[in-house]
Amino acid sequence: MIIASQIRAARALLGIDQRQLADLAGVSLPTIQRMEAATGEVRGTVDKLMKLIRALEAAGIELIGEHAPSAGLGRGVRLRQTQAGLAPAHAASILYDKPPRAAGNDDA
């Protein structure tokens, strides 16, 4: 459904803190704190999860499920992962035709 890192990323995109998100969603601050501290999928009552999701969507956040395409037209950020589910250490950038340089390599 939704994972903790999605909530934290959504807050960062909106530029709000946990208390502001709690107010938007109509849930308590400890509820947001507990949800963001979760590992993996967030657990909670269906009512509180739906309030959170509705609040994020109303604020302009598109929650993208794993392996799901984005339906939005705006700019966004998505975590790139390998087939094994791990983020690659040195993935090629779409902006450049070569992989990023290793740290400490100042030849340019």
PDB file of N, CA and C in Angstrom:
ATOM      1  N   MET A   1       0.837  -1.196   0.000  1.00  0.00           N
ATOM      2  CA  MET A   1       0.000   0.000   0.000  1.00  0.00           C
ATOM      3  C   MET A   1       0.878   1.255   0.000  1.00  0.00           C
ATOM      4  N   ILE A   2       1.491   1.593   1.107  1.00  0.00           N
ATOM      5  CA  ILE A   2       2.386   2.750   1.187  1.00  0.00           C
ATOM      6  C   ILE A   2       3.525   2.392   2.135  1.00  0.00           C
ATOM      7  N   ILE A   3       4.718   2.843   1.811  1.00  0.00           N
ATOM      8  CA  ILE A   3       5.861   2.556   2.679  1.00  0.00           C
ATOM      9  C   ILE A   3       6.348   3.854   3.317  1.00  0.00           C
ATOM     10  N   ALA A   4       7.071   3.702   4.427  1.00  0.00           N
ATOM     11  CA  ALA A   4       7.502   4.853   5.224  1.00  0.00           C
ATOM     12  C   ALA A   4       8.304   5.855   4.406  1.00  0.00           C
ATOM     13  N   SER A   5       9.182   5.372   3.534  1.00  0.00           N
ATOM     14  CA  SER A   5      10.006   6.299   2.751  1.00  0.00           C
ATOM     15  C   SER A   5       9.162   7.120   1.781  1.00  0.00           C
ATOM     16  N   GLN A   6       8.031   6.589   1.334  1.00  0.00           N
ATOM     17  CA  GLN A   6       7.135   7.373   0.485  1.00  0.00           C
ATOM     18  C   GLN A   6       6.548   8.545   1.270  1.00  0.00           C
ATOM     19  N   ILE A   7       6.214   8.306   2.519  1.00  0.00           N
ATOM     20  CA  ILE A   7       5.647   9.372   3.345  1.00  0.00           C
ATOM     21  C   ILE A   7       6.693  10.465   3.564  1.00  0.00           C
ATOM     22  N   ARG A   8       7.909  10.057   3.922  1.00  0.00           N
ATOM     23  CA  ARG A   8       8.977  11.035   4.158  1.00  0.00           C
ATOM     24  C   ARG A   8       9.285  11.810   2.878  1.00  0.00           C
ATOM     25  N   ALA A   9       9.329  11.123   1.741  1.00  0.00           N
ATOM     26  CA  ALA A   9       9.600  11.789   0.466  1.00  0.00           C
ATOM     27  C   ALA A   9       8.473  12.758   0.109  1.00  0.00           C
ATOM     28  N   ALA A  10       7.253  12.349   0.352  1.00  0.00           N
ATOM     29  CA  ALA A  10       6.105  13.220   0.067  1.00  0.00           C
ATOM     30  C   ALA A  10       6.168  14.490   0.907  1.00  0.00           C
ATOM     31  N   ARG A  11       6.506  14.332   2.183  1.00  0.00           N
ATOM     32  CA  ARG A  11       6.639  15.517   3.044  1.00  0.00           C
ATOM     33  C   ARG A  11       7.730  16.434   2.532  1.00  0.00           C
ATOM     34  N   ALA A  12       8.844  15.848   2.109  1.00  0.00           N
ATOM     35  CA  ALA A  12       9.950  16.661   1.601  1.00  0.00           C
ATOM     36  C   ALA A  12       9.527  17.421   0.344  1.00  0.00           C
ATOM     37  N   LEU A  13       8.813  16.765  -0.556  1.00  0.00           N
ATOM     38  CA  LEU A  13       8.345  17.437  -1.770  1.00  0.00           C
ATOM     39  C   LEU A  13       7.380  18.574  -1.444  1.00  0.00           C
ATOM     40  N   LEU A  14       6.570  18.385  -0.427  1.00  0.00           N
ATOM     41  CA  LEU A  14       5.607  19.413  -0.024  1.00  0.00           C
ATOM     42  C   LEU A  14       6.226  20.478   0.873  1.00  0.00           C
ATOM     43  N   GLY A  15       7.398  20.186   1.429  1.00  0.00           N
ATOM     44  CA  GLY A  15       8.052  21.140   2.316  1.00  0.00           C
ATOM     45  C   GLY A  15       7.333  21.306   3.640  1.00  0.00           C
ATOM     46  N   ILE A  16       6.791  20.201   4.158  1.00  0.00           N
ATOM     47  CA  ILE A  16       6.062  20.271   5.420  1.00  0.00           C
ATOM     48  C   ILE A  16       6.705  19.331   6.435  1.00  0.00           C
ATOM     49  N   ASP A  17       6.431  19.582   7.713  1.00  0.00           N
ATOM     50  CA  ASP A  17       6.960  18.710   8.759  1.00  0.00           C
ATOM     51  C   ASP A  17       5.886  17.690   9.157  1.00  0.00           C
ATOM     52  N   GLN A  18       6.248  16.829  10.096  1.00  0.00           N
ATOM     53  CA  GLN A  18       5.327  15.773  10.520  1.00  0.00           C
ATOM     54  C   GLN A  18       4.050  16.333  11.132  1.00  0.00           C
ATOM     55  N   ARG A  19       4.169  17.391  11.912  1.00  0.00           N
ATOM     56  CA  ARG A  19       2.978  17.977  12.538  1.00  0.00           C
ATOM     57  C   ARG A  19       2.015  18.525  11.468  1.00  0.00           C
ATOM     58  N   GLN A  20       2.565  19.189  10.458  1.00  0.00           N
ATOM     59  CA  GLN A  20       1.710  19.720   9.395  1.00  0.00           C
ATOM     60  C   GLN A  20       1.018  18.598   8.626  1.00  0.00           C
ATOM     61  N   LEU A  21       1.743  17.491   8.383  1.00  0.00           N
ATOM     62  CA  LEU A  21       1.122  16.355   7.701  1.00  0.00           C
ATOM     63  C   LEU A  21       0.018  15.753   8.560  1.00  0.00           C
ATOM     64  N   ALA A  22       0.268  15.644   9.857  1.00  0.00           N
ATOM     65  CA  ALA A  22      -0.753  15.115  10.768  1.00  0.00           C
ATOM     66  C   ALA A  22      -2.011  15.984  10.708  1.00  0.00           C
ATOM     67  N   ASP A  23      -1.823  17.298  10.703  1.00  0.00           N
ATOM     68  CA  ASP A  23      -2.967  18.210  10.613  1.00  0.00           C
ATOM     69  C   ASP A  23      -3.706  18.051   9.293  1.00  0.00           C
ATOM     70  N   LEU A  24      -2.959  17.959   8.191  1.00  0.00           N
ATOM     71  CA  LEU A  24      -3.582  17.778   6.866  1.00  0.00           C
ATOM     72  C   LEU A  24      -4.401  16.495   6.807  1.00  0.00           C
ATOM     73  N   ALA A  25      -3.863  15.437   7.403  1.00  0.00           N
ATOM     74  CA  ALA A  25      -4.511  14.131   7.330  1.00  0.00           C
ATOM     75  C   ALA A  25      -5.572  13.910   8.404  1.00  0.00           C
ATOM     76  N   GLY A  26      -5.588  14.772   9.409  1.00  0.00           N
ATOM     77  CA  GLY A  26      -6.554  14.606  10.494  1.00  0.00           C
ATOM     78  C   GLY A  26      -6.219  13.427  11.396  1.00  0.00           C
ATOM     79  N   VAL A  27      -4.916  13.194  11.577  1.00  0.00           N
ATOM     80  CA  VAL A  27      -4.454  12.136  12.488  1.00  0.00           C
ATOM     81  C   VAL A  27      -3.493  12.767  13.489  1.00  0.00           C
ATOM     82  N   SER A  28      -3.106  12.016  14.507  1.00  0.00           N
ATOM     83  CA  SER A  28      -2.216  12.562  15.520  1.00  0.00           C
ATOM     84  C   SER A  28      -0.762  12.569  15.048  1.00  0.00           C
ATOM     85  N   LEU A  29       0.040  13.430  15.649  1.00  0.00           N
ATOM     86  CA  LEU A  29       1.471  13.473  15.360  1.00  0.00           C
ATOM     87  C   LEU A  29       2.134  12.131  15.658  1.00  0.00           C
ATOM     88  N   PRO A  30       1.840  11.483  16.812  1.00  0.00           N
ATOM     89  CA  PRO A  30       2.446  10.172  17.061  1.00  0.00           C
ATOM     90  C   PRO A  30       2.104   9.125  15.980  1.00  0.00           C
ATOM     91  N   THR A  31       0.931   9.256  15.375  1.00  0.00           N
ATOM     92  CA  THR A  31       0.563   8.333  14.289  1.00  0.00           C
ATOM     93  C   THR A  31       1.495   8.516  13.101  1.00  0.00           C
ATOM     94  N   ILE A  32       1.745   9.754  12.705  1.00  0.00           N
ATOM     95  CA  ILE A  32       2.656  10.029  11.590  1.00  0.00           C
ATOM     96  C   ILE A  32       4.069   9.572  11.946  1.00  0.00           C
ATOM     97  N   GLN A  33       4.506   9.858  13.164  1.00  0.00           N
ATOM     98  CA  GLN A  33       5.843   9.443  13.594  1.00  0.00           C
ATOM     99  C   GLN A  33       5.990   7.928  13.540  1.00  0.00           C
ATOM    100  N   ARG A  34       4.978   7.218  13.992  1.00  0.00           N
ATOM    101  CA  ARG A  34       5.018   5.754  13.974  1.00  0.00           C
ATOM    102  C   ARG A  34       5.017   5.229  12.536  1.00  0.00           C
ATOM    103  N   MET A  35       4.218   5.836  11.681  1.00  0.00           N
ATOM    104  CA  MET A  35       4.164   5.399  10.284  1.00  0.00           C
ATOM    105  C   MET A  35       5.506   5.616   9.588  1.00  0.00           C
ATOM    106  N   GLU A  36       6.134   6.760   9.838  1.00  0.00           N
ATOM    107  CA  GLU A  36       7.407   7.058   9.195  1.00  0.00           C
ATOM    108  C   GLU A  36       8.558   6.232   9.757  1.00  0.00           C
ATOM    109  N   ALA A  37       8.406   5.709  10.954  1.00  0.00           N
ATOM    110  CA  ALA A  37       9.459   4.889  11.568  1.00  0.00           C
ATOM    111  C   ALA A  37       9.361   3.423  11.150  1.00  0.00           C
ATOM    112  N   ALA A  38       8.294   3.067  10.454  1.00  0.00           N
ATOM    113  CA  ALA A  38       8.085   1.674  10.055  1.00  0.00           C
ATOM    114  C   ALA A  38       9.148   1.234   9.047  1.00  0.00           C
ATOM    115  N   THR A  39       9.368  -0.064   9.018  1.00  0.00           N
ATOM    116  CA  THR A  39      10.215  -0.632   7.973  1.00  0.00           C
ATOM    117  C   THR A  39       9.292  -1.389   7.032  1.00  0.00           C
ATOM    118  N   GLY A  40       9.425  -1.121   5.766  1.00  0.00           N
ATOM    119  CA  GLY A  40       8.534  -1.754   4.800  1.00  0.00           C
ATOM    120  C   GLY A  40       7.193  -1.047   4.756  1.00  0.00           C
ATOM    121  N   GLU A  41       6.156  -1.834   4.511  1.00  0.00           N
ATOM    122  CA  GLU A  41       4.816  -1.258   4.408  1.00  0.00           C
ATOM    123  C   GLU A  41       4.365  -0.709   5.759  1.00  0.00           C
ATOM    124  N   VAL A  42       3.693   0.433   5.690  1.00  0.00           N
ATOM    125  CA  VAL A  42       3.186   1.091   6.894  1.00  0.00           C
ATOM    126  C   VAL A  42       1.943   0.351   7.371  1.00  0.00           C
ATOM    127  N   ARG A  43       1.898   0.139   8.671  1.00  0.00           N
ATOM    128  CA  ARG A  43       0.720  -0.490   9.264  1.00  0.00           C
ATOM    129  C   ARG A  43      -0.077   0.555  10.018  1.00  0.00           C
ATOM    130  N   GLY A  44      -1.342   0.336  10.079  1.00  0.00           N
ATOM    131  CA  GLY A  44      -2.236   1.232  10.794  1.00  0.00           C
ATOM    132  C   GLY A  44      -3.659   0.857  10.466  1.00  0.00           C
ATOM    133  N   THR A  45      -4.594   1.534  11.072  1.00  0.00           N
ATOM    134  CA  THR A  45      -5.989   1.242  10.740  1.00  0.00           C
ATOM    135  C   THR A  45      -6.256   1.710   9.315  1.00  0.00           C
ATOM    136  N   VAL A  46      -7.171   1.056   8.670  1.00  0.00           N
ATOM    137  CA  VAL A  46      -7.522   1.419   7.297  1.00  0.00           C
ATOM    138  C   VAL A  46      -7.951   2.879   7.241  1.00  0.00           C
ATOM    139  N   ASP A  47      -8.704   3.309   8.245  1.00  0.00           N
ATOM    140  CA  ASP A  47      -9.188   4.687   8.294  1.00  0.00           C
ATOM    141  C   ASP A  47      -8.029   5.686   8.302  1.00  0.00           C
ATOM    142  N   LYS A  48      -7.026   5.453   9.154  1.00  0.00           N
ATOM    143  CA  LYS A  48      -5.899   6.383   9.242  1.00  0.00           C
ATOM    144  C   LYS A  48      -5.034   6.341   7.990  1.00  0.00           C
ATOM    145  N   LEU A  49      -4.817   5.167   7.437  1.00  0.00           N
ATOM    146  CA  LEU A  49      -4.044   5.059   6.200  1.00  0.00           C
ATOM    147  C   LEU A  49      -4.750   5.789   5.059  1.00  0.00           C
ATOM    148  N   MET A  50      -6.057   5.626   4.971  1.00  0.00           N
ATOM    149  CA  MET A  50      -6.805   6.293   3.902  1.00  0.00           C
ATOM    150  C   MET A  50      -6.813   7.806   4.097  1.00  0.00           C
ATOM    151  N   LYS A  51      -6.906   8.268   5.336  1.00  0.00           N
ATOM    152  CA  LYS A  51      -6.836   9.712   5.594  1.00  0.00           C
ATOM    153  C   LYS A  51      -5.489  10.268   5.128  1.00  0.00           C
ATOM    154  N   LEU A  52      -4.424   9.543   5.440  1.00  0.00           N
ATOM    155  CA  LEU A  52      -3.088   9.972   5.038  1.00  0.00           C
ATOM    156  C   LEU A  52      -2.965  10.006   3.519  1.00  0.00           C
ATOM    157  N   ILE A  53      -3.368   8.952   2.868  1.00  0.00           N
ATOM    158  CA  ILE A  53      -3.263   8.878   1.404  1.00  0.00           C
ATOM    159  C   ILE A  53      -4.102   9.968   0.752  1.00  0.00           C
ATOM    160  N   ARG A  54      -5.322  10.156   1.221  1.00  0.00           N
ATOM    161  CA  ARG A  54      -6.182  11.215   0.650  1.00  0.00           C
ATOM    162  C   ARG A  54      -5.570  12.601   0.838  1.00  0.00           C
ATOM    163  N   ALA A  55      -4.981  12.845   2.001  1.00  0.00           N
ATOM    164  CA  ALA A  55      -4.360  14.148   2.267  1.00  0.00           C
ATOM    165  C   ALA A  55      -3.169  14.378   1.340  1.00  0.00           C
ATOM    166  N   LEU A  56      -2.341  13.359   1.166  1.00  0.00           N
ATOM    167  CA  LEU A  56      -1.184  13.503   0.279  1.00  0.00           C
ATOM    168  C   LEU A  56      -1.633  13.734  -1.164  1.00  0.00           C
ATOM    169  N   GLU A  57      -2.613  12.972  -1.611  1.00  0.00           N
ATOM    170  CA  GLU A  57      -3.109  13.135  -2.979  1.00  0.00           C
ATOM    171  C   GLU A  57      -3.756  14.498  -3.179  1.00  0.00           C
ATOM    172  N   ALA A  58      -4.494  14.982  -2.184  1.00  0.00           N
ATOM    173  CA  ALA A  58      -5.124  16.305  -2.278  1.00  0.00           C
ATOM    174  C   ALA A  58      -4.075  17.408  -2.342  1.00  0.00           C
ATOM    175  N   ALA A  59      -2.908  17.147  -1.756  1.00  0.00           N
ATOM    176  CA  ALA A  59      -1.821  18.131  -1.771  1.00  0.00           C
ATOM    177  C   ALA A  59      -0.985  18.046  -3.045  1.00  0.00           C
ATOM    178  N   GLY A  60      -1.325  17.094  -3.929  1.00  0.00           N
ATOM    179  CA  GLY A  60      -0.635  16.999  -5.206  1.00  0.00           C
ATOM    180  C   GLY A  60       0.379  15.878  -5.321  1.00  0.00           C
ATOM    181  N   ILE A  61       0.423  14.996  -4.349  1.00  0.00           N
ATOM    182  CA  ILE A  61       1.365  13.883  -4.370  1.00  0.00           C
ATOM    183  C   ILE A  61       0.750  12.706  -5.117  1.00  0.00           C
ATOM    184  N   GLU A  62       1.517  12.122  -6.032  1.00  0.00           N
ATOM    185  CA  GLU A  62       1.098  10.894  -6.703  1.00  0.00           C
ATOM    186  C   GLU A  62       1.889   9.749  -6.090  1.00  0.00           C
ATOM    187  N   LEU A  63       1.203   8.844  -5.429  1.00  0.00           N
ATOM    188  CA  LEU A  63       1.855   7.681  -4.838  1.00  0.00           C
ATOM    189  C   LEU A  63       1.961   6.609  -5.911  1.00  0.00           C
ATOM    190  N   ILE A  64       3.170   6.159  -6.175  1.00  0.00           N
ATOM    191  CA  ILE A  64       3.403   5.185  -7.242  1.00  0.00           C
ATOM    192  C   ILE A  64       3.753   3.856  -6.606  1.00  0.00           C
ATOM    193  N   GLY A  65       2.984   2.842  -6.920  1.00  0.00           N
ATOM    194  CA  GLY A  65       3.251   1.508  -6.398  1.00  0.00           C
ATOM    195  C   GLY A  65       4.456   0.885  -7.088  1.00  0.00           C
ATOM    196  N   GLU A  66       5.013  -0.134  -6.443  1.00  0.00           N
ATOM    197  CA  GLU A  66       6.167  -0.820  -7.003  1.00  0.00           C
ATOM    198  C   GLU A  66       5.803  -1.426  -8.357  1.00  0.00           C
ATOM    199  N   HIS A  67       6.647  -1.210  -9.352  1.00  0.00           N
ATOM    200  CA  HIS A  67       6.485  -1.707 -10.723  1.00  0.00           C
ATOM    201  C   HIS A  67       5.306  -1.062 -11.453  1.00  0.00           C
ATOM    202  N   ALA A  68       4.765   0.022 -10.911  1.00  0.00           N
ATOM    203  CA  ALA A  68       3.631   0.689 -11.547  1.00  0.00           C
ATOM    204  C   ALA A  68       4.113   1.913 -12.317  1.00  0.00           C
ATOM    205  N   PRO A  69       3.542   2.158 -13.489  1.00  0.00           N
ATOM    206  CA  PRO A  69       3.911   3.377 -14.224  1.00  0.00           C
ATOM    207  C   PRO A  69       3.269   4.596 -13.567  1.00  0.00           C
ATOM    208  N   SER A  70       3.852   5.738 -13.798  1.00  0.00           N
ATOM    209  CA  SER A  70       3.292   6.973 -13.279  1.00  0.00           C
ATOM    210  C   SER A  70       2.275   7.514 -14.267  1.00  0.00           C
ATOM    211  N   ALA A  71       1.144   7.946 -13.764  1.00  0.00           N
ATOM    212  CA  ALA A  71       0.107   8.510 -14.622  1.00  0.00           C
ATOM    213  C   ALA A  71       0.178  10.028 -14.668  1.00  0.00           C
ATOM    214  N   GLY A  72       1.028  10.612 -13.836  1.00  0.00           N
ATOM    215  CA  GLY A  72       1.100  12.066 -13.736  1.00  0.00           C
ATOM    216  C   GLY A  72       1.880  12.702 -14.866  1.00  0.00           C
ATOM    217  N   LEU A  73       1.684  13.997 -15.007  1.00  0.00           N
ATOM    218  CA  LEU A  73       2.382  14.754 -16.035  1.00  0.00           C
ATOM    219  C   LEU A  73       3.444  15.669 -15.451  1.00  0.00           C
ATOM    220  N   GLY A  74       3.416  15.883 -14.149  1.00  0.00           N
ATOM    221  CA  GLY A  74       4.380  16.775 -13.516  1.00  0.00           C
ATOM    222  C   GLY A  74       5.721  16.091 -13.299  1.00  0.00           C
ATOM    223  N   ARG A  75       6.675  16.892 -12.823  1.00  0.00           N
ATOM    224  CA  ARG A  75       7.987  16.348 -12.503  1.00  0.00           C
ATOM    225  C   ARG A  75       7.879  15.462 -11.274  1.00  0.00           C
ATOM    226  N   GLY A  76       8.816  14.552 -11.125  1.00  0.00           N
ATOM    227  CA  GLY A  76       8.777  13.668  -9.977  1.00  0.00           C
ATOM    228  C   GLY A  76      10.099  12.982  -9.764  1.00  0.00           C
ATOM    229  N   VAL A  77      10.153  12.208  -8.735  1.00  0.00           N
ATOM    230  CA  VAL A  77      11.349  11.460  -8.377  1.00  0.00           C
ATOM    231  C   VAL A  77      10.929  10.033  -8.097  1.00  0.00           C
ATOM    232  N   ARG A  78      11.726   9.120  -8.593  1.00  0.00           N
ATOM    233  CA  ARG A  78      11.449   7.712  -8.347  1.00  0.00           C
ATOM    234  C   ARG A  78      12.758   7.010  -8.059  1.00  0.00           C
ATOM    235  N   LEU A  79      12.783   6.117  -7.093  1.00  0.00           N
ATOM    236  CA  LEU A  79      13.975   5.365  -6.760  1.00  0.00           C
ATOM    237  C   LEU A  79      14.200   4.294  -7.816  1.00  0.00           C
ATOM    238  N   ARG A  80      15.358   4.341  -8.451  1.00  0.00           N
ATOM    239  CA  ARG A  80      15.695   3.358  -9.473  1.00  0.00           C
ATOM    240  C   ARG A  80      16.224   2.112  -8.792  1.00  0.00           C
ATOM    241  N   GLN A  81      15.730   0.950  -9.197  1.00  0.00           N
ATOM    242  CA  GLN A  81      16.179  -0.296  -8.582  1.00  0.00           C
ATOM    243  C   GLN A  81      16.503  -1.318  -9.661  1.00  0.00           C
ATOM    244  N   THR A  82      17.351  -2.256  -9.312  1.00  0.00           N
ATOM    245  CA  THR A  82      17.700  -3.349 -10.208  1.00  0.00           C
ATOM    246  C   THR A  82      16.645  -4.439 -10.103  1.00  0.00           C
ATOM    247  N   GLN A  83      16.753  -5.456 -10.936  1.00  0.00           N
ATOM    248  CA  GLN A  83      15.830  -6.584 -10.864  1.00  0.00           C
ATOM    249  C   GLN A  83      15.881  -7.258  -9.502  1.00  0.00           C
ATOM    250  N   ALA A  84      17.051  -7.221  -8.856  1.00  0.00           N
ATOM    251  CA  ALA A  84      17.201  -7.836  -7.541  1.00  0.00           C
ATOM    252  C   ALA A  84      16.588  -6.975  -6.439  1.00  0.00           C
ATOM    253  N   GLY A  85      16.136  -5.773  -6.788  1.00  0.00           N
ATOM    254  CA  GLY A  85      15.513  -4.899  -5.805  1.00  0.00           C
ATOM    255  C   GLY A  85      16.482  -3.993  -5.089  1.00  0.00           C
ATOM    256  N   LEU A  86      17.741  -3.944  -5.530  1.00  0.00           N
ATOM    257  CA  LEU A  86      18.740  -3.104  -4.889  1.00  0.00           C
ATOM    258  C   LEU A  86      19.071  -1.923  -5.786  1.00  0.00           C
ATOM    259  N   ALA A  87      19.296  -0.774  -5.184  1.00  0.00           N
ATOM    260  CA  ALA A  87      19.697   0.397  -5.953  1.00  0.00           C
ATOM    261  C   ALA A  87      21.119   0.165  -6.463  1.00  0.00           C
ATOM    262  N   PRO A  88      21.372   0.376  -7.747  1.00  0.00           N
ATOM    263  CA  PRO A  88      22.718   0.162  -8.272  1.00  0.00           C
ATOM    264  C   PRO A  88      23.700   1.177  -7.692  1.00  0.00           C
ATOM    265  N   ALA A  89      24.927   0.746  -7.443  1.00  0.00           N
ATOM    266  CA  ALA A  89      25.936   1.625  -6.861  1.00  0.00           C
ATOM    267  C   ALA A  89      26.340   2.728  -7.832  1.00  0.00           C
ATOM    268  N   HIS A  90      26.538   2.400  -9.090  1.00  0.00           N
ATOM    269  CA  HIS A  90      26.954   3.385 -10.089  1.00  0.00           C
ATOM    270  C   HIS A  90      26.103   3.223 -11.337  1.00  0.00           C
ATOM    271  N   ALA A  91      24.937   3.793 -11.326  1.00  0.00           N
ATOM    272  CA  ALA A  91      24.055   3.708 -12.478  1.00  0.00           C
ATOM    273  C   ALA A  91      24.331   4.868 -13.420  1.00  0.00           C
ATOM    274  N   ALA A  92      24.211   4.609 -14.700  1.00  0.00           N
ATOM    275  CA  ALA A  92      24.391   5.673 -15.679  1.00  0.00           C
ATOM    276  C   ALA A  92      23.271   6.691 -15.527  1.00  0.00           C
ATOM    277  N   SER A  93      23.593   7.938 -15.721  1.00  0.00           N
ATOM    278  CA  SER A  93      22.616   9.009 -15.629  1.00  0.00           C
ATOM    279  C   SER A  93      21.939   9.191 -16.978  1.00  0.00           C
ATOM    280  N   ILE A  94      20.678   9.577 -16.971  1.00  0.00           N
ATOM    281  CA  ILE A  94      19.998   9.854 -18.232  1.00  0.00           C
ATOM    282  C   ILE A  94      20.473  11.172 -18.833  1.00  0.00           C
ATOM    283  N   LEU A  95      21.143  11.994 -18.028  1.00  0.00           N
ATOM    284  CA  LEU A  95      21.615  13.281 -18.515  1.00  0.00           C
ATOM    285  C   LEU A  95      22.971  13.178 -19.212  1.00  0.00           C
ATOM    286  N   TYR A  96      23.678  12.111 -18.948  1.00  0.00           N
ATOM    287  CA  TYR A  96      25.021  11.945 -19.489  1.00  0.00           C
ATOM    288  C   TYR A  96      25.144  10.556 -20.096  1.00  0.00           C
ATOM    289  N   ASP A  97      26.051  10.412 -21.049  1.00  0.00           N
ATOM    290  CA  ASP A  97      26.208   9.105 -21.666  1.00  0.00           C
ATOM    291  C   ASP A  97      27.314   8.289 -21.024  1.00  0.00           C
ATOM    292  N   LYS A  98      27.702   8.637 -19.824  1.00  0.00           N
ATOM    293  CA  LYS A  98      28.672   7.832 -19.090  1.00  0.00           C
ATOM    294  C   LYS A  98      28.257   7.785 -17.626  1.00  0.00           C
ATOM    295  N   PRO A  99      28.658   6.725 -16.907  1.00  0.00           N
ATOM    296  CA  PRO A  99      28.276   6.633 -15.502  1.00  0.00           C
ATOM    297  C   PRO A  99      28.936   7.721 -14.677  1.00  0.00           C
ATOM    298  N   PRO A 100      28.387   8.043 -13.502  1.00  0.00           N
ATOM    299  CA  PRO A 100      28.986   9.064 -12.650  1.00  0.00           C
ATOM    300  C   PRO A 100      30.401   8.668 -12.241  1.00  0.00           C
ATOM    301  N   ARG A 101      31.255   9.683 -12.055  1.00  0.00           N
ATOM    302  CA  ARG A 101      32.639   9.436 -11.653  1.00  0.00           C
ATOM    303  C   ARG A 101      32.695   8.977 -10.214  1.00  0.00           C
ATOM    304  N   ALA A 102      33.722   8.203  -9.927  1.00  0.00           N
ATOM    305  CA  ALA A 102      33.942   7.766  -8.554  1.00  0.00           C
ATOM    306  C   ALA A 102      34.398   8.960  -7.724  1.00  0.00           C
ATOM    307  N   ALA A 103      34.099   8.940  -6.446  1.00  0.00           N
ATOM    308  CA  ALA A 103      34.517  10.020  -5.541  1.00  0.00           C
ATOM    309  C   ALA A 103      36.027  10.114  -5.535  1.00  0.00           C
ATOM    310  N   GLY A 104      36.539  11.334  -5.533  1.00  0.00           N
ATOM    311  CA  GLY A 104      37.985  11.553  -5.494  1.00  0.00           C
ATOM    312  C   GLY A 104      38.636  11.595  -6.851  1.00  0.00           C
ATOM    313  N   ASN A 105      37.868  11.390  -7.918  1.00  0.00           N
ATOM    314  CA  ASN A 105      38.410  11.419  -9.277  1.00  0.00           C
ATOM    315  C   ASN A 105      38.207  12.822  -9.843  1.00  0.00           C
ATOM    316  N   ASP A 106      39.217  13.659  -9.778  1.00  0.00           N
ATOM    317  CA  ASP A 106      39.104  15.067 -10.201  1.00  0.00           C
ATOM    318  C   ASP A 106      39.827  15.323 -11.507  1.00  0.00           C
ATOM    319  N   ASP A 107      39.744  14.420 -12.477  1.00  0.00           N
ATOM    320  CA  ASP A 107      40.447  14.559 -13.753  1.00  0.00           C
ATOM    321  C   ASP A 107      39.807  15.613 -14.654  1.00  0.00           C
ATOM    322  N   ALA A 108      38.554  15.948 -14.429  1.00  0.00           N
ATOM    323  CA  ALA A 108      37.849  16.860 -15.321  1.00  0.00           C
ATOM    324  C   ALA A 108      38.371  18.199 -15.140  1.00  0.00           C
TER     325      ALA A 108
END
